[in-house]
């Protein structure tokens, strides 16, 4: 079997590649740049922008399953960039799959596609897409997810979308470094009353879910054309967890707080100012970020367990131990 992994040099993408190789797959990757780690793994590397339809379509030739993990995340930036990478890039992947008779497409989505600032406490995949989003990332990913699910069954292509939440673990270049950097600079504050619960997922478990989804698409008709929340299965207190991460990074717990209404208002003002001034840098606060940090967002993963056979292989405690070892070596 031969797989194409887009975004293979990203945090999650590289773990997916490694697990595919361990399972005996031949792997082709599509990335914007060459990557020394992927070269060492001995994969077939292709270089190209996900927004380039010709490059993407060519990469799908003679592929059985596409794991589409490429994308751009963030709380700020121009719509054209988010839409180009997340939405148009995904439609290019769909064109490649349909043109070359790819069997399965597993798309890496996000719970953000159904988030518009409200708390999500144990919701399942029946929660609808909002009519308005708080940021371009959520909106562009939602459009991409809908395109993937609507394509299920076209020319024999089988599709599904996974929504892993707050992926973390060794080799993370985004979530953990970002938290530590903000804390070191004194810019990190607790938003809200500190009681909100959040789901998260250790990176190897998130990668496991992708391989399980491919197997389910091949064997279980009920798995197709659906989205699945992916997490550790047990929510944690957001701020207790953040303080645990700070402790692993050798930093003290947070002692600065800001109320949710004040943070939300600050985010709205920042967004307006940055839009007027056409600033490309990221604001310290946006409405999306304020809501993410203050509201509960955890999910019922029964569908992933029952339909995909997903079960978190690495426990939260074991994952935190591995994260501690990685941070100790990295700091």
C-alpha atoms as a PDB file:
ATOM      1  CA  UNK A   1       0.000   0.000   0.000  1.00  0.00           C
ATOM      2  CA  UNK A   2       1.200   3.493  -0.800  1.00  0.00           C
ATOM      3  CA  UNK A   3       0.219   6.626   1.120  1.00  0.00           C
ATOM      4  CA  UNK A   4       0.615  10.316   0.423  1.00  0.00           C
ATOM      5  CA  UNK A   5       1.022  12.507   3.500  1.00  0.00           C
ATOM      6  CA  UNK A   6       0.620  16.241   2.943  1.00  0.00           C
ATOM      7  CA  UNK A   7       2.176  18.495   5.540  1.00  0.00           C
ATOM      8  CA  UNK A   8       4.493  15.631   6.424  1.00  0.00           C
ATOM      9  CA  UNK A   9       7.126  17.946   7.895  1.00  0.00           C
ATOM     10  CA  UNK A  10       4.616  19.328  10.400  1.00  0.00           C
ATOM     11  CA  UNK A  11       4.211  18.190  13.998  1.00  0.00           C
ATOM     12  CA  UNK A  12       1.407  15.680  13.446  1.00  0.00           C
ATOM     13  CA  UNK A  13       2.352  14.870   9.855  1.00  0.00           C
ATOM     14  CA  UNK A  14       5.762  13.514  10.786  1.00  0.00           C
ATOM     15  CA  UNK A  15       4.265  11.177  13.381  1.00  0.00           C
ATOM     16  CA  UNK A  16       1.778   9.903  10.790  1.00  0.00           C
ATOM     17  CA  UNK A  17       4.668   9.206   8.406  1.00  0.00           C
ATOM     18  CA  UNK A  18       6.594   7.311  11.085  1.00  0.00           C
ATOM     19  CA  UNK A  19       3.609   5.169  12.018  1.00  0.00           C
ATOM     20  CA  UNK A  20       2.873   4.374   8.379  1.00  0.00           C
ATOM     21  CA  UNK A  21       6.456   3.247   7.833  1.00  0.00           C
ATOM     22  CA  UNK A  22       6.321   1.107  10.968  1.00  0.00           C
ATOM     23  CA  UNK A  23       3.161  -0.505   9.587  1.00  0.00           C
ATOM     24  CA  UNK A  24       4.868  -1.398   6.307  1.00  0.00           C
ATOM     25  CA  UNK A  25       3.482   1.304   4.039  1.00  0.00           C
ATOM     26  CA  UNK A  26       5.332   2.966   1.201  1.00  0.00           C
ATOM     27  CA  UNK A  27       5.145   6.695   1.856  1.00  0.00           C
ATOM     28  CA  UNK A  28       5.268   9.716  -0.411  1.00  0.00           C
ATOM     29  CA  UNK A  29       5.257  13.171   1.148  1.00  0.00           C
ATOM     30  CA  UNK A  30       4.250  16.568  -0.169  1.00  0.00           C
ATOM     31  CA  UNK A  31       5.796  19.529   1.625  1.00  0.00           C
ATOM     32  CA  UNK A  32       6.632  23.129   0.764  1.00  0.00           C
ATOM     33  CA  UNK A  33      10.315  22.520   1.464  1.00  0.00           C
ATOM     34  CA  UNK A  34      12.692  19.598   1.742  1.00  0.00           C
ATOM     35  CA  UNK A  35      13.097  18.170   5.229  1.00  0.00           C
ATOM     36  CA  UNK A  36      16.199  16.438   6.578  1.00  0.00           C
ATOM     37  CA  UNK A  37      14.218  14.233   8.972  1.00  0.00           C
ATOM     38  CA  UNK A  38      11.992  12.950   6.184  1.00  0.00           C
ATOM     39  CA  UNK A  39      15.048  12.299   4.024  1.00  0.00           C
ATOM     40  CA  UNK A  40      16.531  10.170   6.811  1.00  0.00           C
ATOM     41  CA  UNK A  41      13.296   8.176   6.992  1.00  0.00           C
ATOM     42  CA  UNK A  42      13.725   7.275   3.320  1.00  0.00           C
ATOM     43  CA  UNK A  43      10.341   8.416   2.078  1.00  0.00           C
ATOM     44  CA  UNK A  44       9.651   9.561  -1.479  1.00  0.00           C
ATOM     45  CA  UNK A  45       9.627  13.331  -1.147  1.00  0.00           C
ATOM     46  CA  UNK A  46       7.846  15.759  -3.437  1.00  0.00           C
ATOM     47  CA  UNK A  47       8.087  19.506  -2.933  1.00  0.00           C
ATOM     48  CA  UNK A  48       5.215  21.820  -3.773  1.00  0.00           C
ATOM     49  CA  UNK A  49       2.747  24.319  -2.400  1.00  0.00           C
ATOM     50  CA  UNK A  50      -0.627  22.845  -1.472  1.00  0.00           C
ATOM     51  CA  UNK A  51      -2.202  25.776  -3.347  1.00  0.00           C
ATOM     52  CA  UNK A  52      -0.605  24.616  -6.605  1.00  0.00           C
ATOM     53  CA  UNK A  53      -3.193  22.311  -8.160  1.00  0.00           C
ATOM     54  CA  UNK A  54      -0.804  20.747 -10.684  1.00  0.00           C
ATOM     55  CA  UNK A  55       1.720  19.827  -7.971  1.00  0.00           C
ATOM     56  CA  UNK A  56      -0.941  18.386  -5.702  1.00  0.00           C
ATOM     57  CA  UNK A  57      -2.659  16.393  -8.442  1.00  0.00           C
ATOM     58  CA  UNK A  58       0.670  14.943  -9.592  1.00  0.00           C
ATOM     59  CA  UNK A  59       1.512  13.897  -6.032  1.00  0.00           C
ATOM     60  CA  UNK A  60      -1.688  11.813  -5.861  1.00  0.00           C
ATOM     61  CA  UNK A  61      -0.699   9.575  -8.770  1.00  0.00           C
ATOM     62  CA  UNK A  62      -0.507   5.841  -7.874  1.00  0.00           C
ATOM     63  CA  UNK A  63      -1.590   6.485  -4.279  1.00  0.00           C
ATOM     64  CA  UNK A  64      -3.985   4.299  -2.284  1.00  0.00           C
ATOM     65  CA  UNK A  65      -4.661   6.616   0.670  1.00  0.00           C
ATOM     66  CA  UNK A  66      -4.080  10.327   1.148  1.00  0.00           C
ATOM     67  CA  UNK A  67      -3.572  11.623   4.684  1.00  0.00           C
ATOM     68  CA  UNK A  68      -4.154  15.338   4.240  1.00  0.00           C
ATOM     69  CA  UNK A  69      -2.528  16.992   7.246  1.00  0.00           C
ATOM     70  CA  UNK A  70      -1.250  20.162   5.552  1.00  0.00           C
ATOM     71  CA  UNK A  71      -2.790  23.392   6.724  1.00  0.00           C
ATOM     72  CA  UNK A  72      -2.174  26.704   8.402  1.00  0.00           C
ATOM     73  CA  UNK A  73      -3.356  27.450  11.922  1.00  0.00           C
ATOM     74  CA  UNK A  74      -3.411  30.750  13.737  1.00  0.00           C
ATOM     75  CA  UNK A  75      -5.564  33.397  15.373  1.00  0.00           C
ATOM     76  CA  UNK A  76      -4.775  36.194  12.920  1.00  0.00           C
ATOM     77  CA  UNK A  77      -3.954  36.768   9.278  1.00  0.00           C
ATOM     78  CA  UNK A  78      -5.543  37.595   5.924  1.00  0.00           C
ATOM     79  CA  UNK A  79      -8.501  35.554   4.705  1.00  0.00           C
ATOM     80  CA  UNK A  80      -6.766  34.971   1.386  1.00  0.00           C
ATOM     81  CA  UNK A  81      -3.933  33.100   3.103  1.00  0.00           C
ATOM     82  CA  UNK A  82      -6.117  30.881   5.312  1.00  0.00           C
ATOM     83  CA  UNK A  83      -8.599  30.203   2.515  1.00  0.00           C
ATOM     84  CA  UNK A  84      -5.843  29.518   0.004  1.00  0.00           C
ATOM     85  CA  UNK A  85      -4.004  26.973   2.124  1.00  0.00           C
ATOM     86  CA  UNK A  86      -6.823  25.356   4.104  1.00  0.00           C
ATOM     87  CA  UNK A  87      -9.755  25.488   1.680  1.00  0.00           C
ATOM     88  CA  UNK A  88      -8.330  25.730  -1.836  1.00  0.00           C
ATOM     89  CA  UNK A  89      -5.459  23.418  -0.860  1.00  0.00           C
ATOM     90  CA  UNK A  90      -7.944  20.797   0.297  1.00  0.00           C
ATOM     91  CA  UNK A  91      -9.972  21.132  -2.893  1.00  0.00           C
ATOM     92  CA  UNK A  92      -6.750  20.558  -4.833  1.00  0.00           C
ATOM     93  CA  UNK A  93      -6.220  17.361  -2.847  1.00  0.00           C
ATOM     94  CA  UNK A  94      -9.747  16.269  -3.707  1.00  0.00           C
ATOM     95  CA  UNK A  95      -9.060  16.909  -7.400  1.00  0.00           C
ATOM     96  CA  UNK A  96      -5.926  14.775  -7.189  1.00  0.00           C
ATOM     97  CA  UNK A  97      -7.769  11.956  -5.445  1.00  0.00           C
ATOM     98  CA  UNK A  98     -10.623  11.940  -7.948  1.00  0.00           C
ATOM     99  CA  UNK A  99      -8.392  12.228 -10.982  1.00  0.00           C
ATOM    100  CA  UNK A 100      -6.082   9.380  -9.989  1.00  0.00           C
ATOM    101  CA  UNK A 101      -8.574   6.997  -8.392  1.00  0.00           C
ATOM    102  CA  UNK A 102      -7.309   7.310  -4.824  1.00  0.00           C
ATOM    103  CA  UNK A 103      -9.204   4.913  -2.593  1.00  0.00           C
ATOM    104  CA  UNK A 104      -9.293   6.729   0.771  1.00  0.00           C
ATOM    105  CA  UNK A 105      -8.861  10.297   1.985  1.00  0.00           C
ATOM    106  CA  UNK A 106      -8.368  10.995   5.695  1.00  0.00           C
ATOM    107  CA  UNK A 107      -8.525  14.732   6.372  1.00  0.00           C
ATOM    108  CA  UNK A 108      -7.049  16.404   9.458  1.00  0.00           C
ATOM    109  CA  UNK A 109      -9.713  18.876  10.526  1.00  0.00           C
ATOM    110  CA  UNK A 110     -10.246  20.615  13.871  1.00  0.00           C
ATOM    111  CA  UNK A 111     -12.965  21.057  16.511  1.00  0.00           C
ATOM    112  CA  UNK A 112     -12.635  24.760  15.702  1.00  0.00           C
ATOM    113  CA  UNK A 113     -14.865  24.182  12.669  1.00  0.00           C
ATOM    114  CA  UNK A 114     -17.889  24.162  14.999  1.00  0.00           C
ATOM    115  CA  UNK A 115     -16.637  26.781  17.462  1.00  0.00           C
ATOM    116  CA  UNK A 116     -18.017  30.315  17.487  1.00  0.00           C
ATOM    117  CA  UNK A 117     -17.272  31.337  21.056  1.00  0.00           C
ATOM    118  CA  UNK A 118     -19.744  29.132  22.899  1.00  0.00           C
ATOM    119  CA  UNK A 119     -18.798  26.484  25.467  1.00  0.00           C
ATOM    120  CA  UNK A 120     -18.766  22.891  24.231  1.00  0.00           C
ATOM    121  CA  UNK A 121     -19.254  20.493  27.130  1.00  0.00           C
ATOM    122  CA  UNK A 122     -19.339  16.863  26.037  1.00  0.00           C
ATOM    123  CA  UNK A 123     -20.895  17.565  22.651  1.00  0.00           C
ATOM    124  CA  UNK A 124     -20.735  15.012  19.846  1.00  0.00           C
ATOM    125  CA  UNK A 125     -20.467  15.400  16.071  1.00  0.00           C
ATOM    126  CA  UNK A 126     -24.132  16.368  15.752  1.00  0.00           C
ATOM    127  CA  UNK A 127     -23.256  19.909  16.877  1.00  0.00           C
ATOM    128  CA  UNK A 128     -23.819  22.070  13.770  1.00  0.00           C
ATOM    129  CA  UNK A 129     -21.433  24.365  11.963  1.00  0.00           C
ATOM    130  CA  UNK A 130     -22.000  27.969  13.059  1.00  0.00           C
ATOM    131  CA  UNK A 131     -23.295  30.615  10.682  1.00  0.00           C
ATOM    132  CA  UNK A 132     -20.430  32.918  11.711  1.00  0.00           C
ATOM    133  CA  UNK A 133     -16.920  32.176  12.917  1.00  0.00           C
ATOM    134  CA  UNK A 134     -14.580  34.187  15.149  1.00  0.00           C
ATOM    135  CA  UNK A 135     -11.578  33.724  12.896  1.00  0.00           C
ATOM    136  CA  UNK A 136     -10.427  32.827   9.410  1.00  0.00           C
ATOM    137  CA  UNK A 137      -8.799  29.594  10.560  1.00  0.00           C
ATOM    138  CA  UNK A 138     -12.061  28.072  11.807  1.00  0.00           C
ATOM    139  CA  UNK A 139     -14.028  29.258   8.785  1.00  0.00           C
ATOM    140  CA  UNK A 140     -11.514  28.041   6.202  1.00  0.00           C
ATOM    141  CA  UNK A 141     -11.164  24.648   7.899  1.00  0.00           C
ATOM    142  CA  UNK A 142     -14.944  24.261   8.079  1.00  0.00           C
ATOM    143  CA  UNK A 143     -15.288  24.876   4.342  1.00  0.00           C
ATOM    144  CA  UNK A 144     -12.530  22.349   3.690  1.00  0.00           C
ATOM    145  CA  UNK A 145     -14.087  19.736   5.965  1.00  0.00           C
ATOM    146  CA  UNK A 146     -17.468  20.099   4.313  1.00  0.00           C
ATOM    147  CA  UNK A 147     -15.905  19.673   0.858  1.00  0.00           C
ATOM    148  CA  UNK A 148     -14.141  16.485   1.991  1.00  0.00           C
ATOM    149  CA  UNK A 149     -17.268  14.940   3.487  1.00  0.00           C
ATOM    150  CA  UNK A 150     -19.418  15.896   0.489  1.00  0.00           C
ATOM    151  CA  UNK A 151     -16.909  14.171  -1.814  1.00  0.00           C
ATOM    152  CA  UNK A 152     -17.419  10.803  -0.143  1.00  0.00           C
ATOM    153  CA  UNK A 153     -18.557   8.250  -2.710  1.00  0.00           C
ATOM    154  CA  UNK A 154     -17.569  10.310  -5.760  1.00  0.00           C
ATOM    155  CA  UNK A 155     -15.763   8.071  -8.269  1.00  0.00           C
ATOM    156  CA  UNK A 156     -15.243   5.492  -5.541  1.00  0.00           C
ATOM    157  CA  UNK A 157     -13.410   7.856  -3.176  1.00  0.00           C
ATOM    158  CA  UNK A 158     -14.071   7.199   0.527  1.00  0.00           C
ATOM    159  CA  UNK A 159     -13.539  10.101   2.926  1.00  0.00           C
ATOM    160  CA  UNK A 160     -13.688  11.098   6.557  1.00  0.00           C
ATOM    161  CA  UNK A 161     -12.450  14.003   8.701  1.00  0.00           C
ATOM    162  CA  UNK A 162     -10.733  13.841  12.081  1.00  0.00           C
ATOM    163  CA  UNK A 163     -10.956  16.655  14.610  1.00  0.00           C
ATOM    164  CA  UNK A 164      -8.033  16.261  17.043  1.00  0.00           C
ATOM    165  CA  UNK A 165      -8.057  18.880  19.784  1.00  0.00           C
ATOM    166  CA  UNK A 166      -4.964  20.597  21.219  1.00  0.00           C
ATOM    167  CA  UNK A 167      -2.330  18.175  19.930  1.00  0.00           C
ATOM    168  CA  UNK A 168       0.752  18.101  22.171  1.00  0.00           C
ATOM    169  CA  UNK A 169       3.885  16.086  22.846  1.00  0.00           C
ATOM    170  CA  UNK A 170       7.590  15.927  22.030  1.00  0.00           C
ATOM    171  CA  UNK A 171       8.761  17.850  18.944  1.00  0.00           C
ATOM    172  CA  UNK A 172       5.866  20.312  19.176  1.00  0.00           C
ATOM    173  CA  UNK A 173       6.866  23.599  17.545  1.00  0.00           C
ATOM    174  CA  UNK A 174       3.678  25.524  18.260  1.00  0.00           C
ATOM    175  CA  UNK A 175       1.472  24.961  21.323  1.00  0.00           C
ATOM    176  CA  UNK A 176       4.084  24.174  23.998  1.00  0.00           C
ATOM    177  CA  UNK A 177       6.815  26.593  22.796  1.00  0.00           C
ATOM    178  CA  UNK A 178       4.185  29.309  22.454  1.00  0.00           C
ATOM    179  CA  UNK A 179       2.967  28.864  26.022  1.00  0.00           C
ATOM    180  CA  UNK A 180       6.489  28.857  27.419  1.00  0.00           C
ATOM    181  CA  UNK A 181       7.514  31.883  25.373  1.00  0.00           C
ATOM    182  CA  UNK A 182       4.520  33.939  26.482  1.00  0.00           C
ATOM    183  CA  UNK A 183       5.030  32.953  30.093  1.00  0.00           C
ATOM    184  CA  UNK A 184       8.725  33.872  30.010  1.00  0.00           C
ATOM    185  CA  UNK A 185       7.920  37.285  28.565  1.00  0.00           C
ATOM    186  CA  UNK A 186       5.192  37.926  31.149  1.00  0.00           C
ATOM    187  CA  UNK A 187       2.461  38.082  28.481  1.00  0.00           C
ATOM    188  CA  UNK A 188       0.532  34.976  29.560  1.00  0.00           C
ATOM    189  CA  UNK A 189      -2.508  35.491  31.764  1.00  0.00           C
ATOM    190  CA  UNK A 190      -5.299  33.270  32.975  1.00  0.00           C
ATOM    191  CA  UNK A 191      -8.458  34.221  31.115  1.00  0.00           C
ATOM    192  CA  UNK A 192     -11.721  33.701  32.977  1.00  0.00           C
ATOM    193  CA  UNK A 193     -12.349  32.086  36.357  1.00  0.00           C
ATOM    194  CA  UNK A 194     -10.011  29.138  35.758  1.00  0.00           C
ATOM    195  CA  UNK A 195     -12.662  26.416  35.966  1.00  0.00           C
ATOM    196  CA  UNK A 196     -12.989  25.605  32.254  1.00  0.00           C
ATOM    197  CA  UNK A 197     -12.332  22.039  31.116  1.00  0.00           C
ATOM    198  CA  UNK A 198     -10.653  21.232  27.806  1.00  0.00           C
ATOM    199  CA  UNK A 199      -9.875  18.165  25.769  1.00  0.00           C
ATOM    200  CA  UNK A 200      -6.414  17.500  24.388  1.00  0.00           C
ATOM    201  CA  UNK A 201      -4.672  14.665  22.577  1.00  0.00           C
ATOM    202  CA  UNK A 202      -1.157  13.295  22.739  1.00  0.00           C
ATOM    203  CA  UNK A 203       0.385  13.432  19.289  1.00  0.00           C
ATOM    204  CA  UNK A 204       0.975   9.678  18.856  1.00  0.00           C
ATOM    205  CA  UNK A 205      -2.671   9.020  19.705  1.00  0.00           C
ATOM    206  CA  UNK A 206      -3.723  11.570  17.090  1.00  0.00           C
ATOM    207  CA  UNK A 207      -1.544   9.789  14.521  1.00  0.00           C
ATOM    208  CA  UNK A 208      -3.009   6.421  15.555  1.00  0.00           C
ATOM    209  CA  UNK A 209      -6.477   7.776  14.817  1.00  0.00           C
ATOM    210  CA  UNK A 210      -5.481   8.582  11.230  1.00  0.00           C
ATOM    211  CA  UNK A 211      -4.316   5.045  10.490  1.00  0.00           C
ATOM    212  CA  UNK A 212      -7.398   3.597  12.175  1.00  0.00           C
ATOM    213  CA  UNK A 213      -9.609   5.865  10.085  1.00  0.00           C
ATOM    214  CA  UNK A 214      -8.048   4.514   6.898  1.00  0.00           C
ATOM    215  CA  UNK A 215      -8.727   0.951   8.023  1.00  0.00           C
ATOM    216  CA  UNK A 216     -12.318   1.795   8.947  1.00  0.00           C
ATOM    217  CA  UNK A 217     -12.991   3.434   5.574  1.00  0.00           C
ATOM    218  CA  UNK A 218     -11.974   0.228   3.851  1.00  0.00           C
ATOM    219  CA  UNK A 219     -14.034  -2.084   6.044  1.00  0.00           C
ATOM    220  CA  UNK A 220     -16.941  -0.210   7.615  1.00  0.00           C
ATOM    221  CA  UNK A 221     -19.478   1.658   5.451  1.00  0.00           C
ATOM    222  CA  UNK A 222     -20.734   3.465   8.561  1.00  0.00           C
ATOM    223  CA  UNK A 223     -17.362   5.217   8.899  1.00  0.00           C
ATOM    224  CA  UNK A 224     -17.570   7.071   5.599  1.00  0.00           C
ATOM    225  CA  UNK A 225     -18.490  10.678   4.981  1.00  0.00           C
ATOM    226  CA  UNK A 226     -18.306  11.538   8.683  1.00  0.00           C
ATOM    227  CA  UNK A 227     -16.285  13.705  11.050  1.00  0.00           C
ATOM    228  CA  UNK A 228     -14.849  12.448  14.344  1.00  0.00           C
ATOM    229  CA  UNK A 229     -13.672  14.248  17.462  1.00  0.00           C
ATOM    230  CA  UNK A 230     -10.325  12.874  18.671  1.00  0.00           C
ATOM    231  CA  UNK A 231      -8.950  13.402  22.182  1.00  0.00           C
ATOM    232  CA  UNK A 232      -7.528  11.656  25.242  1.00  0.00           C
ATOM    233  CA  UNK A 233     -11.112  10.908  26.245  1.00  0.00           C
ATOM    234  CA  UNK A 234     -10.911  12.744  29.576  1.00  0.00           C
ATOM    235  CA  UNK A 235     -10.985  16.547  29.792  1.00  0.00           C
ATOM    236  CA  UNK A 236      -8.566  18.399  32.064  1.00  0.00           C
ATOM    237  CA  UNK A 237      -8.764  21.746  33.781  1.00  0.00           C
ATOM    238  CA  UNK A 238      -7.263  24.123  31.227  1.00  0.00           C
ATOM    239  CA  UNK A 239      -5.257  26.235  33.644  1.00  0.00           C
ATOM    240  CA  UNK A 240      -4.073  23.381  35.833  1.00  0.00           C
ATOM    241  CA  UNK A 241      -2.707  21.764  32.676  1.00  0.00           C
ATOM    242  CA  UNK A 242      -1.051  24.975  31.509  1.00  0.00           C
ATOM    243  CA  UNK A 243       0.601  25.347  34.914  1.00  0.00           C
ATOM    244  CA  UNK A 244       1.826  21.739  34.661  1.00  0.00           C
ATOM    245  CA  UNK A 245       3.427  22.552  31.326  1.00  0.00           C
ATOM    246  CA  UNK A 246       5.009  25.699  32.759  1.00  0.00           C
ATOM    247  CA  UNK A 247       6.421  23.645  35.618  1.00  0.00           C
ATOM    248  CA  UNK A 248       7.948  21.162  33.161  1.00  0.00           C
ATOM    249  CA  UNK A 249       9.545  24.146  31.441  1.00  0.00           C
ATOM    250  CA  UNK A 250      11.042  25.368  34.711  1.00  0.00           C
ATOM    251  CA  UNK A 251       8.635  28.284  35.067  1.00  0.00           C
ATOM    252  CA  UNK A 252       6.416  29.340  37.999  1.00  0.00           C
ATOM    253  CA  UNK A 253       2.618  28.987  37.864  1.00  0.00           C
ATOM    254  CA  UNK A 254       0.560  31.882  36.556  1.00  0.00           C
ATOM    255  CA  UNK A 255      -0.446  34.579  38.995  1.00  0.00           C
ATOM    256  CA  UNK A 256      -1.893  37.125  36.558  1.00  0.00           C
ATOM    257  CA  UNK A 257      -5.556  36.967  35.553  1.00  0.00           C
ATOM    258  CA  UNK A 258      -7.998  38.772  33.303  1.00  0.00           C
ATOM    259  CA  UNK A 259     -11.772  38.369  33.152  1.00  0.00           C
ATOM    260  CA  UNK A 260     -13.329  36.840  30.068  1.00  0.00           C
ATOM    261  CA  UNK A 261     -15.450  39.922  29.192  1.00  0.00           C
ATOM    262  CA  UNK A 262     -12.383  42.155  29.420  1.00  0.00           C
ATOM    263  CA  UNK A 263     -10.253  39.754  27.355  1.00  0.00           C
ATOM    264  CA  UNK A 264     -12.995  39.441  24.724  1.00  0.00           C
ATOM    265  CA  UNK A 265     -13.351  43.226  24.504  1.00  0.00           C
ATOM    266  CA  UNK A 266      -9.580  43.615  24.252  1.00  0.00           C
ATOM    267  CA  UNK A 267      -9.591  41.056  21.457  1.00  0.00           C
ATOM    268  CA  UNK A 268     -12.302  42.880  19.539  1.00  0.00           C
ATOM    269  CA  UNK A 269     -10.473  46.200  19.861  1.00  0.00           C
ATOM    270  CA  UNK A 270      -7.182  44.600  18.789  1.00  0.00           C
ATOM    271  CA  UNK A 271      -8.773  43.012  15.747  1.00  0.00           C
ATOM    272  CA  UNK A 272     -10.303  46.313  14.690  1.00  0.00           C
ATOM    273  CA  UNK A 273      -7.042  48.214  15.191  1.00  0.00           C
ATOM    274  CA  UNK A 274      -4.935  45.619  13.391  1.00  0.00           C
ATOM    275  CA  UNK A 275      -7.389  45.558  10.483  1.00  0.00           C
ATOM    276  CA  UNK A 276      -7.413  49.340  10.118  1.00  0.00           C
ATOM    277  CA  UNK A 277      -3.632  49.538  10.368  1.00  0.00           C
ATOM    278  CA  UNK A 278      -3.214  46.436   8.172  1.00  0.00           C
ATOM    279  CA  UNK A 279      -0.744  44.943  10.595  1.00  0.00           C
ATOM    280  CA  UNK A 280       0.489  41.453   9.727  1.00  0.00           C
ATOM    281  CA  UNK A 281       1.835  40.590  13.188  1.00  0.00           C
ATOM    282  CA  UNK A 282      -0.399  38.659  15.567  1.00  0.00           C
ATOM    283  CA  UNK A 283      -2.345  40.515  18.294  1.00  0.00           C
ATOM    284  CA  UNK A 284      -1.793  39.462  21.888  1.00  0.00           C
ATOM    285  CA  UNK A 285      -5.531  38.788  22.140  1.00  0.00           C
ATOM    286  CA  UNK A 286      -8.423  38.098  19.759  1.00  0.00           C
ATOM    287  CA  UNK A 287     -12.045  37.195  20.409  1.00  0.00           C
ATOM    288  CA  UNK A 288     -11.356  33.609  19.298  1.00  0.00           C
ATOM    289  CA  UNK A 289      -8.386  33.257  21.650  1.00  0.00           C
ATOM    290  CA  UNK A 290     -10.276  34.771  24.591  1.00  0.00           C
ATOM    291  CA  UNK A 291     -13.142  32.313  24.123  1.00  0.00           C
ATOM    292  CA  UNK A 292     -10.787  29.361  23.672  1.00  0.00           C
ATOM    293  CA  UNK A 293      -8.938  30.186  26.882  1.00  0.00           C
ATOM    294  CA  UNK A 294     -11.997  30.914  29.029  1.00  0.00           C
ATOM    295  CA  UNK A 295     -14.693  28.499  27.835  1.00  0.00           C
ATOM    296  CA  UNK A 296     -14.929  24.743  28.242  1.00  0.00           C
ATOM    297  CA  UNK A 297     -14.468  22.725  25.088  1.00  0.00           C
ATOM    298  CA  UNK A 298     -14.445  18.969  25.429  1.00  0.00           C
ATOM    299  CA  UNK A 299     -16.142  16.335  23.336  1.00  0.00           C
ATOM    300  CA  UNK A 300     -17.850  12.973  23.264  1.00  0.00           C
ATOM    301  CA  UNK A 301     -15.517  10.651  21.323  1.00  0.00           C
ATOM    302  CA  UNK A 302     -17.893   7.680  21.312  1.00  0.00           C
ATOM    303  CA  UNK A 303     -18.052   7.717  17.504  1.00  0.00           C
ATOM    304  CA  UNK A 304     -14.272   7.477  17.201  1.00  0.00           C
ATOM    305  CA  UNK A 305     -14.209   4.630  19.727  1.00  0.00           C
ATOM    306  CA  UNK A 306     -17.148   2.696  18.282  1.00  0.00           C
ATOM    307  CA  UNK A 307     -16.703   3.259  14.550  1.00  0.00           C
ATOM    308  CA  UNK A 308     -12.945   3.724  14.140  1.00  0.00           C
ATOM    309  CA  UNK A 309     -11.841   1.542  17.037  1.00  0.00           C
ATOM    310  CA  UNK A 310      -9.896   4.458  18.484  1.00  0.00           C
ATOM    311  CA  UNK A 311      -8.529   4.197  21.997  1.00  0.00           C
ATOM    312  CA  UNK A 312      -5.827   6.517  23.378  1.00  0.00           C
ATOM    313  CA  UNK A 313      -2.756   4.253  23.459  1.00  0.00           C
ATOM    314  CA  UNK A 314      -0.586   6.694  25.392  1.00  0.00           C
ATOM    315  CA  UNK A 315      -2.129   7.889  28.657  1.00  0.00           C
ATOM    316  CA  UNK A 316      -2.105  11.533  29.684  1.00  0.00           C
ATOM    317  CA  UNK A 317       0.375  10.843  32.494  1.00  0.00           C
ATOM    318  CA  UNK A 318       2.704   8.885  30.242  1.00  0.00           C
ATOM    319  CA  UNK A 319       2.503  11.612  27.625  1.00  0.00           C
ATOM    320  CA  UNK A 320       3.381  14.280  30.180  1.00  0.00           C
ATOM    321  CA  UNK A 321       6.352  12.204  31.306  1.00  0.00           C
ATOM    322  CA  UNK A 322       7.588  11.975  27.716  1.00  0.00           C
ATOM    323  CA  UNK A 323       7.030  15.694  27.270  1.00  0.00           C
ATOM    324  CA  UNK A 324       9.075  16.384  30.397  1.00  0.00           C
ATOM    325  CA  UNK A 325      11.990  14.325  29.060  1.00  0.00           C
ATOM    326  CA  UNK A 326      11.876  16.131  25.719  1.00  0.00           C
ATOM    327  CA  UNK A 327      11.714  19.560  27.320  1.00  0.00           C
ATOM    328  CA  UNK A 328      14.595  18.722  29.633  1.00  0.00           C
ATOM    329  CA  UNK A 329      16.745  17.838  26.639  1.00  0.00           C
ATOM    330  CA  UNK A 330      15.557  20.829  24.595  1.00  0.00           C
ATOM    331  CA  UNK A 331      15.933  23.567  27.206  1.00  0.00           C
END
